[in-house]
Amino acid sequence: MPQTVTIPPAKNGDVLFNVEEKVFPDYKASPGDKAYVFMHTVPFEGSVGFVNMLTATRLVRKGFDLSFILFGPGVLMASATRGYPAVGSEAFAGNLGYNKQLKTLMDEGAKIYACRFAMGALYGMREDDLIEGVKAISPLDVLDANIQAWKERAILITTWTL
């Protein structure tokens, strides 16, 4: 007969992991270092969009000159008309998390871009529907931003989800 093992359940405040050990050096950007984050992902369809925003925020805080490029469904992250029952109202906890994190990125110096093709042809968004400070760009700029990142030897994070 198998024997049941009973251990005390974890409770608030218990530390279950080694949170002190860091394996890799804590790198900081050197003057002029750049990073580009390209997002082609549907907001709220998974954690990747928000996780990459948090990673992008960390890159800015490490001193990188950051460009955050939204294309395809990623442009929906920059919608200034989000909210329910009214624009700006948070229908559930985290409902405006994308908006808040993009504003944090811009407040800390990042540049945010959104592809006009995706905005208009795919989602019917106008440039006026973007969060203030987000710059609309030509769809041709998406590839050229990738090329620029390569030429600058920048850190490049690219996420594609459907």
C-alpha atoms as a PDB file:
ATOM      1  CA  MET A   1       0.000   0.000   0.000  1.00  0.00           C
ATOM      2  CA  PRO A   2       1.509   3.386  -1.008  1.00  0.00           C
ATOM      3  CA  GLN A   3       2.202   5.708   1.845  1.00  0.00           C
ATOM      4  CA  THR A   4       0.922   9.312   1.774  1.00  0.00           C
ATOM      5  CA  VAL A   5       3.527  11.947   2.540  1.00  0.00           C
ATOM      6  CA  THR A   6       2.289  15.066   4.244  1.00  0.00           C
ATOM      7  CA  ILE A   7       4.310  18.268   4.347  1.00  0.00           C
ATOM      8  CA  PRO A   8       3.211  21.659   5.632  1.00  0.00           C
ATOM      9  CA  PRO A   9       1.670  23.805   2.880  1.00  0.00           C
ATOM     10  CA  ALA A  10       3.467  26.928   1.711  1.00  0.00           C
ATOM     11  CA  LYS A  11       2.135  30.167   3.192  1.00  0.00           C
ATOM     12  CA  ASN A  12       2.406  33.832   2.291  1.00  0.00           C
ATOM     13  CA  GLY A  13       5.935  35.079   2.814  1.00  0.00           C
ATOM     14  CA  ASP A  14       7.624  31.691   2.403  1.00  0.00           C
ATOM     15  CA  VAL A  15      10.569  31.872  -0.014  1.00  0.00           C
ATOM     16  CA  LEU A  16      10.606  28.689  -2.094  1.00  0.00           C
ATOM     17  CA  PHE A  17      13.476  29.538  -4.444  1.00  0.00           C
ATOM     18  CA  ASN A  18      17.019  30.829  -4.270  1.00  0.00           C
ATOM     19  CA  VAL A  19      16.311  34.474  -5.114  1.00  0.00           C
ATOM     20  CA  GLU A  20      19.841  35.614  -4.243  1.00  0.00           C
ATOM     21  CA  GLU A  21      21.833  33.678  -6.873  1.00  0.00           C
ATOM     22  CA  LYS A  22      22.405  35.356 -10.239  1.00  0.00           C
ATOM     23  CA  VAL A  23      24.358  33.311 -12.766  1.00  0.00           C
ATOM     24  CA  PHE A  24      25.188  35.935 -15.403  1.00  0.00           C
ATOM     25  CA  PRO A  25      26.785  39.358 -14.846  1.00  0.00           C
ATOM     26  CA  ASP A  26      24.412  42.308 -14.462  1.00  0.00           C
ATOM     27  CA  TYR A  27      25.317  44.012 -17.725  1.00  0.00           C
ATOM     28  CA  LYS A  28      24.610  47.690 -18.354  1.00  0.00           C
ATOM     29  CA  ALA A  29      24.569  49.465 -21.684  1.00  0.00           C
ATOM     30  CA  SER A  30      27.633  51.311 -22.831  1.00  0.00           C
ATOM     31  CA  PRO A  31      27.112  54.807 -24.233  1.00  0.00           C
ATOM     32  CA  GLY A  32      25.380  54.542 -27.610  1.00  0.00           C
ATOM     33  CA  ASP A  33      24.163  50.941 -27.169  1.00  0.00           C
ATOM     34  CA  LYS A  34      20.758  50.335 -28.742  1.00  0.00           C
ATOM     35  CA  ALA A  35      18.032  47.746 -28.511  1.00  0.00           C
ATOM     36  CA  TYR A  36      15.039  47.038 -30.735  1.00  0.00           C
ATOM     37  CA  VAL A  37      11.959  45.061 -29.734  1.00  0.00           C
ATOM     38  CA  PHE A  38       9.606  44.018 -32.551  1.00  0.00           C
ATOM     39  CA  MET A  39       6.150  42.847 -31.495  1.00  0.00           C
ATOM     40  CA  HIS A  40       3.759  40.987 -33.806  1.00  0.00           C
ATOM     41  CA  THR A  41       1.421  39.561 -31.190  1.00  0.00           C
ATOM     42  CA  VAL A  42      -2.203  39.799 -30.111  1.00  0.00           C
ATOM     43  CA  PRO A  43      -2.676  41.640 -26.808  1.00  0.00           C
ATOM     44  CA  PHE A  44      -4.285  39.509 -24.080  1.00  0.00           C
ATOM     45  CA  GLU A  45      -3.891  36.254 -26.078  1.00  0.00           C
ATOM     46  CA  GLY A  46      -0.888  35.214 -24.032  1.00  0.00           C
ATOM     47  CA  SER A  47       1.759  36.646 -21.791  1.00  0.00           C
ATOM     48  CA  VAL A  48       4.444  37.217 -24.436  1.00  0.00           C
ATOM     49  CA  GLY A  49       3.424  40.797 -25.271  1.00  0.00           C
ATOM     50  CA  PHE A  50       3.443  41.972 -21.695  1.00  0.00           C
ATOM     51  CA  VAL A  51       6.577  39.997 -20.798  1.00  0.00           C
ATOM     52  CA  ASN A  52       8.408  41.624 -23.710  1.00  0.00           C
ATOM     53  CA  MET A  53       7.233  45.040 -22.507  1.00  0.00           C
ATOM     54  CA  LEU A  54       8.731  44.282 -19.100  1.00  0.00           C
ATOM     55  CA  THR A  55      11.953  43.089 -20.767  1.00  0.00           C
ATOM     56  CA  ALA A  56      12.004  46.275 -22.854  1.00  0.00           C
ATOM     57  CA  THR A  57      11.563  48.345 -19.682  1.00  0.00           C
ATOM     58  CA  ARG A  58      14.516  46.541 -18.149  1.00  0.00           C
ATOM     59  CA  LEU A  59      16.622  47.290 -21.245  1.00  0.00           C
ATOM     60  CA  VAL A  60      15.809  51.008 -20.902  1.00  0.00           C
ATOM     61  CA  ARG A  61      16.708  50.916 -17.220  1.00  0.00           C
ATOM     62  CA  LYS A  62      20.039  49.285 -18.120  1.00  0.00           C
ATOM     63  CA  GLY A  63      20.773  52.310 -20.309  1.00  0.00           C
ATOM     64  CA  PHE A  64      19.882  51.101 -23.821  1.00  0.00           C
ATOM     65  CA  ASP A  65      18.424  53.478 -26.400  1.00  0.00           C
ATOM     66  CA  LEU A  66      15.263  51.459 -27.081  1.00  0.00           C
ATOM     67  CA  SER A  67      12.950  51.374 -30.087  1.00  0.00           C
ATOM     68  CA  PHE A  68       9.767  49.322 -29.641  1.00  0.00           C
ATOM     69  CA  ILE A  69       8.115  48.502 -32.974  1.00  0.00           C
ATOM     70  CA  LEU A  70       4.506  47.281 -33.079  1.00  0.00           C
ATOM     71  CA  PHE A  71       3.250  45.670 -36.273  1.00  0.00           C
ATOM     72  CA  GLY A  72       0.506  43.243 -37.237  1.00  0.00           C
ATOM     73  CA  PRO A  73      -1.761  42.662 -34.242  1.00  0.00           C
ATOM     74  CA  GLY A  74       0.884  44.273 -32.016  1.00  0.00           C
ATOM     75  CA  VAL A  75      -0.458  47.708 -32.987  1.00  0.00           C
ATOM     76  CA  LEU A  76      -3.506  46.957 -30.837  1.00  0.00           C
ATOM     77  CA  MET A  77      -1.258  47.290 -27.785  1.00  0.00           C
ATOM     78  CA  ALA A  78      -1.030  51.026 -28.472  1.00  0.00           C
ATOM     79  CA  SER A  79      -4.773  51.670 -28.628  1.00  0.00           C
ATOM     80  CA  ALA A  80      -5.687  54.781 -26.676  1.00  0.00           C
ATOM     81  CA  THR A  81      -9.380  53.870 -26.930  1.00  0.00           C
ATOM     82  CA  ARG A  82      -9.167  50.807 -24.650  1.00  0.00           C
ATOM     83  CA  GLY A  83     -11.433  50.584 -21.621  1.00  0.00           C
ATOM     84  CA  TYR A  84     -14.892  49.548 -20.503  1.00  0.00           C
ATOM     85  CA  PRO A  85     -17.499  50.831 -19.956  1.00  0.00           C
ATOM     86  CA  ALA A  86     -15.660  53.984 -20.989  1.00  0.00           C
ATOM     87  CA  VAL A  87     -12.271  54.771 -22.478  1.00  0.00           C
ATOM     88  CA  GLY A  88      -9.682  54.635 -19.724  1.00  0.00           C
ATOM     89  CA  SER A  89     -11.859  52.595 -17.339  1.00  0.00           C
ATOM     90  CA  GLU A  90     -10.259  49.373 -16.208  1.00  0.00           C
ATOM     91  CA  ALA A  91     -12.909  46.657 -16.644  1.00  0.00           C
ATOM     92  CA  PHE A  92     -10.734  44.107 -14.815  1.00  0.00           C
ATOM     93  CA  ALA A  93      -7.386  44.169 -13.070  1.00  0.00           C
ATOM     94  CA  GLY A  94      -4.716  44.485 -15.748  1.00  0.00           C
ATOM     95  CA  ASN A  95      -7.137  45.575 -18.498  1.00  0.00           C
ATOM     96  CA  LEU A  96      -5.032  48.671 -19.178  1.00  0.00           C
ATOM     97  CA  GLY A  97      -1.677  47.028 -18.434  1.00  0.00           C
ATOM     98  CA  TYR A  98      -0.441  47.381 -22.020  1.00  0.00           C
ATOM     99  CA  ASN A  99      -1.312  51.075 -22.087  1.00  0.00           C
ATOM    100  CA  LYS A 100       0.327  51.724 -18.734  1.00  0.00           C
ATOM    101  CA  GLN A 101       3.512  49.840 -19.650  1.00  0.00           C
ATOM    102  CA  LEU A 102       3.864  51.625 -23.003  1.00  0.00           C
ATOM    103  CA  LYS A 103       3.515  54.946 -21.169  1.00  0.00           C
ATOM    104  CA  THR A 104       6.161  53.821 -18.668  1.00  0.00           C
ATOM    105  CA  LEU A 105       8.496  52.938 -21.545  1.00  0.00           C
ATOM    106  CA  MET A 106       7.995  56.346 -23.168  1.00  0.00           C
ATOM    107  CA  ASP A 107       8.329  58.179 -19.835  1.00  0.00           C
ATOM    108  CA  GLU A 108      11.689  56.453 -19.376  1.00  0.00           C
ATOM    109  CA  GLY A 109      12.946  57.374 -22.848  1.00  0.00           C
ATOM    110  CA  ALA A 110      11.891  54.568 -25.206  1.00  0.00           C
ATOM    111  CA  LYS A 111      10.538  55.304 -28.660  1.00  0.00           C
ATOM    112  CA  ILE A 112       7.351  53.419 -29.600  1.00  0.00           C
ATOM    113  CA  TYR A 113       6.303  52.916 -33.218  1.00  0.00           C
ATOM    114  CA  ALA A 114       3.148  51.420 -34.757  1.00  0.00           C
ATOM    115  CA  CYS A 115       2.737  50.241 -38.356  1.00  0.00           C
ATOM    116  CA  ARG A 116       0.151  52.238 -40.305  1.00  0.00           C
ATOM    117  CA  PHE A 117      -0.721  49.280 -42.554  1.00  0.00           C
ATOM    118  CA  ALA A 118      -1.705  47.096 -39.631  1.00  0.00           C
ATOM    119  CA  MET A 119      -3.544  49.977 -37.987  1.00  0.00           C
ATOM    120  CA  GLY A 120      -5.668  50.845 -41.011  1.00  0.00           C
ATOM    121  CA  ALA A 121      -5.901  47.808 -43.256  1.00  0.00           C
ATOM    122  CA  LEU A 122      -6.237  45.215 -40.507  1.00  0.00           C
ATOM    123  CA  TYR A 123      -7.867  46.948 -37.543  1.00  0.00           C
ATOM    124  CA  GLY A 124      -9.455  50.196 -38.732  1.00  0.00           C
ATOM    125  CA  MET A 125      -7.398  52.252 -36.284  1.00  0.00           C
ATOM    126  CA  ARG A 126      -6.616  55.859 -36.985  1.00  0.00           C
ATOM    127  CA  GLU A 127      -3.403  57.563 -35.958  1.00  0.00           C
ATOM    128  CA  ASP A 128      -5.572  59.557 -33.548  1.00  0.00           C
ATOM    129  CA  ASP A 129      -6.410  56.237 -31.834  1.00  0.00           C
ATOM    130  CA  LEU A 130      -2.796  55.724 -30.728  1.00  0.00           C
ATOM    131  CA  ILE A 131      -1.585  56.421 -27.213  1.00  0.00           C
ATOM    132  CA  GLU A 132      -0.070  59.888 -27.174  1.00  0.00           C
ATOM    133  CA  GLY A 133       3.627  59.666 -27.975  1.00  0.00           C
ATOM    134  CA  VAL A 134       3.391  56.528 -30.127  1.00  0.00           C
ATOM    135  CA  LYS A 135       4.619  57.310 -33.651  1.00  0.00           C
ATOM    136  CA  ALA A 136       2.862  55.799 -36.656  1.00  0.00           C
ATOM    137  CA  ILE A 137       5.272  54.463 -39.291  1.00  0.00           C
ATOM    138  CA  SER A 138       5.137  53.174 -42.849  1.00  0.00           C
ATOM    139  CA  PRO A 139       4.954  49.385 -43.202  1.00  0.00           C
ATOM    140  CA  LEU A 140       8.221  49.685 -45.158  1.00  0.00           C
ATOM    141  CA  ASP A 141       9.861  50.988 -41.980  1.00  0.00           C
ATOM    142  CA  VAL A 142       9.448  47.634 -40.228  1.00  0.00           C
ATOM    143  CA  LEU A 143      12.083  45.947 -42.379  1.00  0.00           C
ATOM    144  CA  ASP A 144      14.288  49.043 -42.458  1.00  0.00           C
ATOM    145  CA  ALA A 145      14.222  49.223 -38.647  1.00  0.00           C
ATOM    146  CA  ASN A 146      15.444  45.606 -38.613  1.00  0.00           C
ATOM    147  CA  ILE A 147      18.236  46.500 -41.029  1.00  0.00           C
ATOM    148  CA  GLN A 148      19.134  49.542 -38.951  1.00  0.00           C
ATOM    149  CA  ALA A 149      19.298  47.376 -35.820  1.00  0.00           C
ATOM    150  CA  TRP A 150      21.640  44.975 -37.640  1.00  0.00           C
ATOM    151  CA  LYS A 151      23.852  47.830 -38.850  1.00  0.00           C
ATOM    152  CA  GLU A 152      24.008  49.267 -35.318  1.00  0.00           C
ATOM    153  CA  ARG A 153      24.865  45.867 -33.814  1.00  0.00           C
ATOM    154  CA  ALA A 154      21.917  46.386 -31.490  1.00  0.00           C
ATOM    155  CA  ILE A 155      20.203  43.887 -29.252  1.00  0.00           C
ATOM    156  CA  LEU A 156      17.223  42.569 -31.190  1.00  0.00           C
ATOM    157  CA  ILE A 157      14.148  40.893 -29.707  1.00  0.00           C
ATOM    158  CA  THR A 158      11.501  39.812 -32.188  1.00  0.00           C
ATOM    159  CA  THR A 159       8.263  38.087 -31.259  1.00  0.00           C
ATOM    160  CA  TRP A 160       5.723  36.645 -33.678  1.00  0.00           C
ATOM    161  CA  THR A 161       2.510  35.082 -32.432  1.00  0.00           C
ATOM    162  CA  LEU A 162      -0.881  34.625 -34.013  1.00  0.00           C
END
